[in-house]
């Protein structure tokens, strides 16, 4: 069970849209709609079955994900943006909003369902029946480049590269993000230990290195563009590239929030910054208020092909919703 209270920025949203944006669980919006229609959501103490119901600031929702069966994932004809494919692997550009693999409360509409339809019986089984071919993942609301293995040999080889994080090999993972504010340095290295948060076990947090479960995490950040008055007096946001030296859960999101520059749209690690949008000039204000996910895109993935040894570098531009924010911030201070 999760409990949420609507903030001013959520005023006027549909119930299913609001819950999809703020829940800590990887659940598709269609699944949330079905959960509401089945009577598993209470709004201000009363059961609500209308996903389209508009919410107001201060509304309180109790959200219960019912126990679901756990059948093997089935093929679903979901379009995929394929960047590269051969007999050993497939690289796709995952859209924001798509969950990678089936899980509790989210059994359909995932990347795995789409891959089973696209690849048939060629997917590797090392990841298990529920995660065939999956060697790494992106959060539901993170878009970008992902590689999936089609056979066991490719799965083992790619998994070892991800475990090495490019320390001795060709692996590179570069993300593009839009953050609140602007670090003074053009380039910076963030090094901490990450672990589960005390108050919310679904969140990660910066923790002491001696804490049980603490994992070393390093992110390299480069400022690509600063947004704000041309005289540089108040840089309100920045476009950044982040290259991972390690690959921990929510690493970039936690690291940027840790240094006081959370991702725009990140209501988990940057909730206190949402109201900053209201003091921005137009069109930046409208663009920031409209954006309902963490502004994070896996822009580049490089790795050694498990069979040929060729270094593959696959890239994709940020999706349209992020580009709209970038454009709005670029012109708001002209």
Foldseek 3Di string as FASTA:
>chain_A
DDKDFAAQLQAFAFQLLVCLLDDLDLAFSVLSLVQLLVQQKDKQRHTHNHRRDTDHGGIMMDGDQDFDDADQAAADQDDWAWQDDDLWKTKTWFAARAAAWDDRSHRDRHVVNPCCNVPPLQFACPVDRGHTQALDGDGNGATEIGMGTRYDLQSVQVNVCQQQLQPPFWWKWKKKFKWFFDDPDQKDKFKFWKDADDPDRSDIEGDDPPDPPTDIWMKIKGFDDFFDAPVPPTGGMTIMMIMTSHDDVCRVQRRCLVVPIGTQQDCPSPVVCLCVLVPAAPPLSVLSSPRRHGGMYRAWTWGQRSPPRDIDIDGDDRDPSNVVNVVTRVPRND
